[in-house]
Amino acid sequence: HRRYYFVVSINGRAGIKDAANNDILPSNDADITSDPAGGFVLSGSDQLKGFRFLNNYTLEPKYANIKPVRGGEYIMITTQAGKSGYINNKGDEFFVD
């Protein structure tokens, strides 16, 4: 059972809607791009990145960089302080000290 989503832009703000035109993520972000690994990269007006997993878990834009990992359950992130790690689709963080 596939779900279809669309990125929409209203007055310079991007959001996500489903095939029935229901809001999945309100139009609050400067940009949203779909990633082939699964999920959506959210970009704030300050160029910080967030992520919307396909299970609907959302990380608000606060990271310097985000790279989704194939399979859609993890993303590799870089914090604003330059620290790298992973976050799963439940919000658990994994950092190497």
PDB file of N, CA and C in Angstrom:
ATOM      1  N   HIS A   1       0.845  -1.185   0.000  1.00  0.00           N
ATOM      2  CA  HIS A   1       0.000   0.000   0.000  1.00  0.00           C
ATOM      3  C   HIS A   1       0.884   1.239   0.000  1.00  0.00           C
ATOM      4  N   ARG A   2       0.950   1.904  -1.138  1.00  0.00           N
ATOM      5  CA  ARG A   2       1.793   3.092  -1.288  1.00  0.00           C
ATOM      6  C   ARG A   2       1.019   4.348  -0.914  1.00  0.00           C
ATOM      7  N   ARG A   3       1.724   5.274  -0.321  1.00  0.00           N
ATOM      8  CA  ARG A   3       1.147   6.590  -0.041  1.00  0.00           C
ATOM      9  C   ARG A   3       1.826   7.591  -0.956  1.00  0.00           C
ATOM     10  N   TYR A   4       1.055   8.534  -1.439  1.00  0.00           N
ATOM     11  CA  TYR A   4       1.596   9.552  -2.321  1.00  0.00           C
ATOM     12  C   TYR A   4       1.507  10.905  -1.628  1.00  0.00           C
ATOM     13  N   TYR A   5       2.615  11.656  -1.692  1.00  0.00           N
ATOM     14  CA  TYR A   5       2.700  12.974  -1.073  1.00  0.00           C
ATOM     15  C   TYR A   5       3.157  13.987  -2.109  1.00  0.00           C
ATOM     16  N   PHE A   6       2.790  15.233  -1.880  1.00  0.00           N
ATOM     17  CA  PHE A   6       3.158  16.326  -2.766  1.00  0.00           C
ATOM     18  C   PHE A   6       3.735  17.459  -1.933  1.00  0.00           C
ATOM     19  N   VAL A   7       4.814  18.060  -2.421  1.00  0.00           N
ATOM     20  CA  VAL A   7       5.356  19.261  -1.797  1.00  0.00           C
ATOM     21  C   VAL A   7       4.650  20.435  -2.450  1.00  0.00           C
ATOM     22  N   VAL A   8       4.088  21.306  -1.609  1.00  0.00           N
ATOM     23  CA  VAL A   8       3.381  22.485  -2.106  1.00  0.00           C
ATOM     24  C   VAL A   8       4.046  23.739  -1.567  1.00  0.00           C
ATOM     25  N   SER A   9       3.976  24.807  -2.315  1.00  0.00           N
ATOM     26  CA  SER A   9       4.545  26.077  -1.876  1.00  0.00           C
ATOM     27  C   SER A   9       3.473  27.144  -1.950  1.00  0.00           C
ATOM     28  N   ILE A  10       3.271  27.823  -0.818  1.00  0.00           N
ATOM     29  CA  ILE A  10       2.275  28.888  -0.725  1.00  0.00           C
ATOM     30  C   ILE A  10       2.950  30.109  -0.128  1.00  0.00           C
ATOM     31  N   ASN A  11       2.953  31.207  -0.861  1.00  0.00           N
ATOM     32  CA  ASN A  11       3.559  32.461  -0.398  1.00  0.00           C
ATOM     33  C   ASN A  11       4.991  32.272   0.096  1.00  0.00           C
ATOM     34  N   GLY A  12       5.765  31.482  -0.634  1.00  0.00           N
ATOM     35  CA  GLY A  12       7.177  31.293  -0.292  1.00  0.00           C
ATOM     36  C   GLY A  12       7.439  30.327   0.846  1.00  0.00           C
ATOM     37  N   ARG A  13       6.415  29.624   1.305  1.00  0.00           N
ATOM     38  CA  ARG A  13       6.560  28.644   2.380  1.00  0.00           C
ATOM     39  C   ARG A  13       6.136  27.282   1.848  1.00  0.00           C
ATOM     40  N   ALA A  14       6.900  26.235   2.165  1.00  0.00           N
ATOM     41  CA  ALA A  14       6.632  24.903   1.634  1.00  0.00           C
ATOM     42  C   ALA A  14       5.989  24.016   2.689  1.00  0.00           C
ATOM     43  N   GLY A  15       5.148  23.098   2.214  1.00  0.00           N
ATOM     44  CA  GLY A  15       4.492  22.120   3.078  1.00  0.00           C
ATOM     45  C   GLY A  15       4.294  20.824   2.308  1.00  0.00           C
ATOM     46  N   ILE A  16       3.687  19.838   2.969  1.00  0.00           N
ATOM     47  CA  ILE A  16       3.442  18.541   2.347  1.00  0.00           C
ATOM     48  C   ILE A  16       1.954  18.219   2.453  1.00  0.00           C
ATOM     49  N   LYS A  17       1.373  17.759   1.335  1.00  0.00           N
ATOM     50  CA  LYS A  17      -0.021  17.307   1.302  1.00  0.00           C
ATOM     51  C   LYS A  17      -0.062  15.880   0.788  1.00  0.00           C
ATOM     52  N   ASP A  18      -1.120  15.157   1.168  1.00  0.00           N
ATOM     53  CA  ASP A  18      -1.297  13.808   0.633  1.00  0.00           C
ATOM     54  C   ASP A  18      -2.157  13.874  -0.632  1.00  0.00           C
ATOM     55  N   ALA A  19      -2.402  12.711  -1.244  1.00  0.00           N
ATOM     56  CA  ALA A  19      -3.141  12.662  -2.506  1.00  0.00           C
ATOM     57  C   ALA A  19      -4.572  13.176  -2.379  1.00  0.00           C
ATOM     58  N   ALA A  20      -5.132  13.171  -1.156  1.00  0.00           N
ATOM     59  CA  ALA A  20      -6.483  13.690  -0.931  1.00  0.00           C
ATOM     60  C   ALA A  20      -6.471  15.178  -0.573  1.00  0.00           C
ATOM     61  N   ASN A  21      -5.304  15.835  -0.737  1.00  0.00           N
ATOM     62  CA  ASN A  21      -5.117  17.258  -0.465  1.00  0.00           C
ATOM     63  C   ASN A  21      -5.192  17.617   1.016  1.00  0.00           C
ATOM     64  N   ASN A  22      -4.963  16.634   1.890  1.00  0.00           N
ATOM     65  CA  ASN A  22      -4.900  16.896   3.329  1.00  0.00           C
ATOM     66  C   ASN A  22      -3.505  17.371   3.703  1.00  0.00           C
ATOM     67  N   ASP A  23      -3.418  18.332   4.636  1.00  0.00           N
ATOM     68  CA  ASP A  23      -2.118  18.782   5.121  1.00  0.00           C
ATOM     69  C   ASP A  23      -1.446  17.667   5.909  1.00  0.00           C
ATOM     70  N   ILE A  24      -0.257  17.289   5.497  1.00  0.00           N
ATOM     71  CA  ILE A  24       0.567  16.333   6.233  1.00  0.00           C
ATOM     72  C   ILE A  24       1.571  17.112   7.068  1.00  0.00           C
ATOM     73  N   LEU A  25       2.100  18.171   6.485  1.00  0.00           N
ATOM     74  CA  LEU A  25       3.000  19.093   7.178  1.00  0.00           C
ATOM     75  C   LEU A  25       2.632  20.488   6.707  1.00  0.00           C
ATOM     76  N   PRO A  26       2.198  21.371   7.627  1.00  0.00           N
ATOM     77  CA  PRO A  26       1.779  22.719   7.224  1.00  0.00           C
ATOM     78  C   PRO A  26       2.892  23.470   6.496  1.00  0.00           C
ATOM     79  N   SER A  27       2.522  24.456   5.717  1.00  0.00           N
ATOM     80  CA  SER A  27       3.476  25.256   4.936  1.00  0.00           C
ATOM     81  C   SER A  27       4.202  26.244   5.836  1.00  0.00           C
ATOM     82  N   ASN A  28       5.228  25.747   6.536  1.00  0.00           N
ATOM     83  CA  ASN A  28       6.000  26.586   7.455  1.00  0.00           C
ATOM     84  C   ASN A  28       7.469  26.709   7.078  1.00  0.00           C
ATOM     85  N   ASP A  29       7.953  25.853   6.173  1.00  0.00           N
ATOM     86  CA  ASP A  29       9.378  25.804   5.874  1.00  0.00           C
ATOM     87  C   ASP A  29       9.696  26.562   4.592  1.00  0.00           C
ATOM     88  N   ALA A  30      10.946  27.046   4.480  1.00  0.00           N
ATOM     89  CA  ALA A  30      11.360  27.786   3.293  1.00  0.00           C
ATOM     90  C   ALA A  30      11.404  26.876   2.075  1.00  0.00           C
ATOM     91  N   ASP A  31      11.779  25.602   2.272  1.00  0.00           N
ATOM     92  CA  ASP A  31      11.843  24.664   1.168  1.00  0.00           C
ATOM     93  C   ASP A  31      11.738  23.240   1.709  1.00  0.00           C
ATOM     94  N   ILE A  32      11.192  22.348   0.906  1.00  0.00           N
ATOM     95  CA  ILE A  32      11.109  20.925   1.244  1.00  0.00           C
ATOM     96  C   ILE A  32      11.459  20.150  -0.016  1.00  0.00           C
ATOM     97  N   THR A  33      12.363  19.179   0.130  1.00  0.00           N
ATOM     98  CA  THR A  33      12.701  18.327  -1.003  1.00  0.00           C
ATOM     99  C   THR A  33      12.500  16.872  -0.621  1.00  0.00           C
ATOM    100  N   SER A  34      11.944  16.122  -1.530  1.00  0.00           N
ATOM    101  CA  SER A  34      11.772  14.689  -1.349  1.00  0.00           C
ATOM    102  C   SER A  34      13.122  14.025  -1.563  1.00  0.00           C
ATOM    103  N   ASP A  35      13.440  13.027  -0.744  1.00  0.00           N
ATOM    104  CA  ASP A  35      14.709  12.331  -0.899  1.00  0.00           C
ATOM    105  C   ASP A  35      14.470  10.903  -1.360  1.00  0.00           C
ATOM    106  N   PRO A  36      15.233  10.418  -2.334  1.00  0.00           N
ATOM    107  CA  PRO A  36      15.040   9.055  -2.832  1.00  0.00           C
ATOM    108  C   PRO A  36      15.244   7.972  -1.770  1.00  0.00           C
ATOM    109  N   ALA A  37      15.977   8.270  -0.705  1.00  0.00           N
ATOM    110  CA  ALA A  37      16.193   7.302   0.376  1.00  0.00           C
ATOM    111  C   ALA A  37      14.939   7.139   1.229  1.00  0.00           C
ATOM    112  N   GLY A  38      13.983   8.061   1.087  1.00  0.00           N
ATOM    113  CA  GLY A  38      12.739   8.020   1.852  1.00  0.00           C
ATOM    114  C   GLY A  38      12.634   9.183   2.802  1.00  0.00           C
ATOM    115  N   GLY A  39      11.579   9.962   2.686  1.00  0.00           N
ATOM    116  CA  GLY A  39      11.360  11.101   3.566  1.00  0.00           C
ATOM    117  C   GLY A  39      11.584  12.425   2.860  1.00  0.00           C
ATOM    118  N   PHE A  40      11.547  13.495   3.648  1.00  0.00           N
ATOM    119  CA  PHE A  40      11.638  14.849   3.119  1.00  0.00           C
ATOM    120  C   PHE A  40      12.626  15.677   3.925  1.00  0.00           C
ATOM    121  N   VAL A  41      13.525  16.375   3.231  1.00  0.00           N
ATOM    122  CA  VAL A  41      14.461  17.298   3.870  1.00  0.00           C
ATOM    123  C   VAL A  41      13.771  18.657   3.963  1.00  0.00           C
ATOM    124  N   LEU A  42      13.695  19.200   5.172  1.00  0.00           N
ATOM    125  CA  LEU A  42      13.073  20.499   5.431  1.00  0.00           C
ATOM    126  C   LEU A  42      14.172  21.545   5.552  1.00  0.00           C
ATOM    127  N   SER A  43      14.009  22.675   4.906  1.00  0.00           N
ATOM    128  CA  SER A  43      14.981  23.761   5.008  1.00  0.00           C
ATOM    129  C   SER A  43      14.300  24.980   5.603  1.00  0.00           C
ATOM    130  N   GLY A  44      14.864  25.496   6.686  1.00  0.00           N
ATOM    131  CA  GLY A  44      14.343  26.705   7.305  1.00  0.00           C
ATOM    132  C   GLY A  44      14.855  27.939   6.593  1.00  0.00           C
ATOM    133  N   SER A  45      14.280  29.089   6.893  1.00  0.00           N
ATOM    134  CA  SER A  45      14.713  30.331   6.255  1.00  0.00           C
ATOM    135  C   SER A  45      16.142  30.690   6.650  1.00  0.00           C
ATOM    136  N   ASP A  46      16.653  30.111   7.742  1.00  0.00           N
ATOM    137  CA  ASP A  46      18.027  30.348   8.191  1.00  0.00           C
ATOM    138  C   ASP A  46      19.003  29.312   7.624  1.00  0.00           C
ATOM    139  N   GLN A  47      18.554  28.529   6.622  1.00  0.00           N
ATOM    140  CA  GLN A  47      19.336  27.496   5.947  1.00  0.00           C
ATOM    141  C   GLN A  47      19.625  26.259   6.800  1.00  0.00           C
ATOM    142  N   LEU A  48      19.046  26.178   8.002  1.00  0.00           N
ATOM    143  CA  LEU A  48      19.193  24.977   8.807  1.00  0.00           C
ATOM    144  C   LEU A  48      18.254  23.906   8.274  1.00  0.00           C
ATOM    145  N   LYS A  49      18.601  22.641   8.534  1.00  0.00           N
ATOM    146  CA  LYS A  49      17.873  21.514   7.962  1.00  0.00           C
ATOM    147  C   LYS A  49      17.122  20.726   9.024  1.00  0.00           C
ATOM    148  N   GLY A  50      15.984  20.171   8.617  1.00  0.00           N
ATOM    149  CA  GLY A  50      15.196  19.260   9.427  1.00  0.00           C
ATOM    150  C   GLY A  50      14.788  18.089   8.548  1.00  0.00           C
ATOM    151  N   PHE A  51      13.940  17.206   9.072  1.00  0.00           N
ATOM    152  CA  PHE A  51      13.561  16.040   8.287  1.00  0.00           C
ATOM    153  C   PHE A  51      12.184  15.539   8.684  1.00  0.00           C
ATOM    154  N   ARG A  52      11.431  15.075   7.695  1.00  0.00           N
ATOM    155  CA  ARG A  52      10.127  14.443   7.913  1.00  0.00           C
ATOM    156  C   ARG A  52      10.251  12.993   7.436  1.00  0.00           C
ATOM    157  N   PHE A  53      10.211  12.065   8.409  1.00  0.00           N
ATOM    158  CA  PHE A  53      10.265  10.644   8.082  1.00  0.00           C
ATOM    159  C   PHE A  53       8.919  10.196   7.546  1.00  0.00           C
ATOM    160  N   LEU A  54       8.909   9.081   6.832  1.00  0.00           N
ATOM    161  CA  LEU A  54       7.659   8.575   6.260  1.00  0.00           C
ATOM    162  C   LEU A  54       6.700   8.034   7.315  1.00  0.00           C
ATOM    163  N   ASN A  55       7.197   7.800   8.552  1.00  0.00           N
ATOM    164  CA  ASN A  55       6.294   7.390   9.635  1.00  0.00           C
ATOM    165  C   ASN A  55       5.687   8.618  10.327  1.00  0.00           C
ATOM    166  N   ASN A  56       5.891   9.803   9.742  1.00  0.00           N
ATOM    167  CA  ASN A  56       5.363  11.096  10.202  1.00  0.00           C
ATOM    168  C   ASN A  56       6.151  11.730  11.337  1.00  0.00           C
ATOM    169  N   TYR A  57       7.255  11.123  11.794  1.00  0.00           N
ATOM    170  CA  TYR A  57       8.093  11.772  12.806  1.00  0.00           C
ATOM    171  C   TYR A  57       8.833  12.931  12.139  1.00  0.00           C
ATOM    172  N   THR A  58       8.798  14.097  12.779  1.00  0.00           N
ATOM    173  CA  THR A  58       9.399  15.303  12.202  1.00  0.00           C
ATOM    174  C   THR A  58      10.465  15.876  13.114  1.00  0.00           C
ATOM    175  N   LEU A  59      11.626  16.191  12.515  1.00  0.00           N
ATOM    176  CA  LEU A  59      12.685  16.948  13.194  1.00  0.00           C
ATOM    177  C   LEU A  59      12.650  18.358  12.619  1.00  0.00           C
ATOM    178  N   GLU A  60      12.446  19.329  13.466  1.00  0.00           N
ATOM    179  CA  GLU A  60      12.412  20.714  13.011  1.00  0.00           C
ATOM    180  C   GLU A  60      13.794  21.130  12.502  1.00  0.00           C
ATOM    181  N   PRO A  61      13.859  22.076  11.561  1.00  0.00           N
ATOM    182  CA  PRO A  61      15.147  22.520  11.039  1.00  0.00           C
ATOM    183  C   PRO A  61      16.022  23.157  12.121  1.00  0.00           C
ATOM    184  N   LYS A  62      17.099  22.453  12.491  1.00  0.00           N
ATOM    185  CA  LYS A  62      18.065  22.994  13.457  1.00  0.00           C
ATOM    186  C   LYS A  62      19.460  22.418  13.239  1.00  0.00           C
ATOM    187  N   TYR A  63      19.635  21.660  12.163  1.00  0.00           N
ATOM    188  CA  TYR A  63      20.912  21.006  11.882  1.00  0.00           C
ATOM    189  C   TYR A  63      21.608  21.666  10.703  1.00  0.00           C
ATOM    190  N   ALA A  64      22.949  21.661  10.731  1.00  0.00           N
ATOM    191  CA  ALA A  64      23.727  22.255   9.640  1.00  0.00           C
ATOM    192  C   ALA A  64      23.583  21.441   8.362  1.00  0.00           C
ATOM    193  N   ASN A  65      23.486  20.117   8.504  1.00  0.00           N
ATOM    194  CA  ASN A  65      23.356  19.258   7.330  1.00  0.00           C
ATOM    195  C   ASN A  65      22.613  17.979   7.700  1.00  0.00           C
ATOM    196  N   ILE A  66      21.883  17.444   6.744  1.00  0.00           N
ATOM    197  CA  ILE A  66      21.160  16.183   6.913  1.00  0.00           C
ATOM    198  C   ILE A  66      21.336  15.358   5.657  1.00  0.00           C
ATOM    199  N   LYS A  67      21.634  14.073   5.853  1.00  0.00           N
ATOM    200  CA  LYS A  67      21.727  13.145   4.718  1.00  0.00           C
ATOM    201  C   LYS A  67      20.949  11.889   5.077  1.00  0.00           C
ATOM    202  N   PRO A  68      19.819  11.653   4.412  1.00  0.00           N
ATOM    203  CA  PRO A  68      19.052  10.441   4.686  1.00  0.00           C
ATOM    204  C   PRO A  68      19.844   9.190   4.312  1.00  0.00           C
ATOM    205  N   VAL A  69      19.668   8.143   5.105  1.00  0.00           N
ATOM    206  CA  VAL A  69      20.324   6.866   4.864  1.00  0.00           C
ATOM    207  C   VAL A  69      19.319   5.954   4.168  1.00  0.00           C
ATOM    208  N   ARG A  70      19.773   5.233   3.194  1.00  0.00           N
ATOM    209  CA  ARG A  70      18.894   4.343   2.411  1.00  0.00           C
ATOM    210  C   ARG A  70      18.052   3.473   3.339  1.00  0.00           C
ATOM    211  N   GLY A  71      16.784   3.373   3.040  1.00  0.00           N
ATOM    212  CA  GLY A  71      15.854   2.603   3.860  1.00  0.00           C
ATOM    213  C   GLY A  71      14.885   3.499   4.609  1.00  0.00           C
ATOM    214  N   GLY A  72      15.250   4.768   4.793  1.00  0.00           N
ATOM    215  CA  GLY A  72      14.339   5.742   5.362  1.00  0.00           C
ATOM    216  C   GLY A  72      14.134   5.714   6.860  1.00  0.00           C
ATOM    217  N   GLU A  73      14.914   4.891   7.591  1.00  0.00           N
ATOM    218  CA  GLU A  73      14.726   4.832   9.039  1.00  0.00           C
ATOM    219  C   GLU A  73      15.740   5.664   9.817  1.00  0.00           C
ATOM    220  N   TYR A  74      16.824   6.087   9.174  1.00  0.00           N
ATOM    221  CA  TYR A  74      17.876   6.875   9.820  1.00  0.00           C
ATOM    222  C   TYR A  74      18.284   8.028   8.925  1.00  0.00           C
ATOM    223  N   ILE A  75      18.762   9.091   9.563  1.00  0.00           N
ATOM    224  CA  ILE A  75      19.415  10.173   8.841  1.00  0.00           C
ATOM    225  C   ILE A  75      20.755  10.436   9.508  1.00  0.00           C
ATOM    226  N   MET A  76      21.733  10.817   8.702  1.00  0.00           N
ATOM    227  CA  MET A  76      23.020  11.253   9.225  1.00  0.00           C
ATOM    228  C   MET A  76      22.937  12.769   9.343  1.00  0.00           C
ATOM    229  N   ILE A  77      23.295  13.299  10.491  1.00  0.00           N
ATOM    230  CA  ILE A  77      23.180  14.740  10.708  1.00  0.00           C
ATOM    231  C   ILE A  77      24.520  15.333  11.109  1.00  0.00           C
ATOM    232  N   THR A  78      24.644  16.625  10.869  1.00  0.00           N
ATOM    233  CA  THR A  78      25.755  17.423  11.386  1.00  0.00           C
ATOM    234  C   THR A  78      25.125  18.569  12.150  1.00  0.00           C
ATOM    235  N   THR A  79      25.497  18.702  13.435  1.00  0.00           N
ATOM    236  CA  THR A  79      24.940  19.778  14.251  1.00  0.00           C
ATOM    237  C   THR A  79      25.570  21.110  13.847  1.00  0.00           C
ATOM    238  N   GLN A  80      25.015  22.186  14.362  1.00  0.00           N
ATOM    239  CA  GLN A  80      25.578  23.510  14.092  1.00  0.00           C
ATOM    240  C   GLN A  80      26.991  23.639  14.656  1.00  0.00           C
ATOM    241  N   ALA A  81      27.311  22.825  15.673  1.00  0.00           N
ATOM    242  CA  ALA A  81      28.651  22.846  16.280  1.00  0.00           C
ATOM    243  C   ALA A  81      29.632  21.939  15.529  1.00  0.00           C
ATOM    244  N   GLY A  82      29.154  21.239  14.465  1.00  0.00           N
ATOM    245  CA  GLY A  82      30.029  20.404  13.667  1.00  0.00           C
ATOM    246  C   GLY A  82      30.100  18.950  14.098  1.00  0.00           C
ATOM    247  N   LYS A  83      29.312  18.557  15.087  1.00  0.00           N
ATOM    248  CA  LYS A  83      29.298  17.175  15.566  1.00  0.00           C
ATOM    249  C   LYS A  83      28.408  16.328  14.653  1.00  0.00           C
ATOM    250  N   SER A  84      28.897  15.130  14.285  1.00  0.00           N
ATOM    251  CA  SER A  84      28.137  14.242  13.399  1.00  0.00           C
ATOM    252  C   SER A  84      27.531  13.084  14.167  1.00  0.00           C
ATOM    253  N   GLY A  85      26.415  12.600  13.676  1.00  0.00           N
ATOM    254  CA  GLY A  85      25.755  11.456  14.295  1.00  0.00           C
ATOM    255  C   GLY A  85      24.580  11.018  13.453  1.00  0.00           C
ATOM    256  N   TYR A  86      23.749  10.167  14.045  1.00  0.00           N
ATOM    257  CA  TYR A  86      22.571   9.638  13.369  1.00  0.00           C
ATOM    258  C   TYR A  86      21.344   9.838  14.248  1.00  0.00           C
ATOM    259  N   ILE A  87      20.193   9.976  13.624  1.00  0.00           N
ATOM    260  CA  ILE A  87      18.917  10.042  14.328  1.00  0.00           C
ATOM    261  C   ILE A  87      17.980   9.081  13.606  1.00  0.00           C
ATOM    262  N   ASN A  88      17.235   8.270  14.394  1.00  0.00           N
ATOM    263  CA  ASN A  88      16.300   7.339  13.750  1.00  0.00           C
ATOM    264  C   ASN A  88      14.909   7.950  13.659  1.00  0.00           C
ATOM    265  N   ASN A  89      13.987   7.204  13.073  1.00  0.00           N
ATOM    266  CA  ASN A  89      12.637   7.723  12.831  1.00  0.00           C
ATOM    267  C   ASN A  89      11.758   7.721  14.082  1.00  0.00           C
ATOM    268  N   LYS A  90      12.374   7.496  15.247  1.00  0.00           N
ATOM    269  CA  LYS A  90      11.686   7.649  16.535  1.00  0.00           C
ATOM    270  C   LYS A  90      12.266   8.815  17.325  1.00  0.00           C
ATOM    271  N   GLY A  91      13.340   9.429  16.786  1.00  0.00           N
ATOM    272  CA  GLY A  91      13.969  10.560  17.452  1.00  0.00           C
ATOM    273  C   GLY A  91      15.155  10.195  18.323  1.00  0.00           C
ATOM    274  N   ASP A  92      15.557   8.916  18.336  1.00  0.00           N
ATOM    275  CA  ASP A  92      16.726   8.502  19.118  1.00  0.00           C
ATOM    276  C   ASP A  92      17.998   9.000  18.428  1.00  0.00           C
ATOM    277  N   GLU A  93      18.890   9.594  19.217  1.00  0.00           N
ATOM    278  CA  GLU A  93      20.131  10.151  18.674  1.00  0.00           C
ATOM    279  C   GLU A  93      21.300   9.218  18.968  1.00  0.00           C
ATOM    280  N   PHE A  94      22.186   9.102  18.000  1.00  0.00           N
ATOM    281  CA  PHE A  94      23.387   8.275  18.144  1.00  0.00           C
ATOM    282  C   PHE A  94      24.601   9.110  17.741  1.00  0.00           C
ATOM    283  N   PHE A  95      25.426   9.454  18.742  1.00  0.00           N
ATOM    284  CA  PHE A  95      26.622  10.240  18.487  1.00  0.00           C
ATOM    285  C   PHE A  95      27.839   9.490  18.988  1.00  0.00           C
ATOM    286  N   VAL A  96      28.956   9.663  18.276  1.00  0.00           N
ATOM    287  CA  VAL A  96      30.218   9.101  18.722  1.00  0.00           C
ATOM    288  C   VAL A  96      30.948  10.202  19.480  1.00  0.00           C
ATOM    289  N   ASP A  97      31.344   9.909  20.721  1.00  0.00           N
ATOM    290  CA  ASP A  97      32.053  10.921  21.535  1.00  0.00           C
ATOM    291  C   ASP A  97      33.509  10.977  21.201  1.00  0.00           C
TER     292      ASP A  97
END
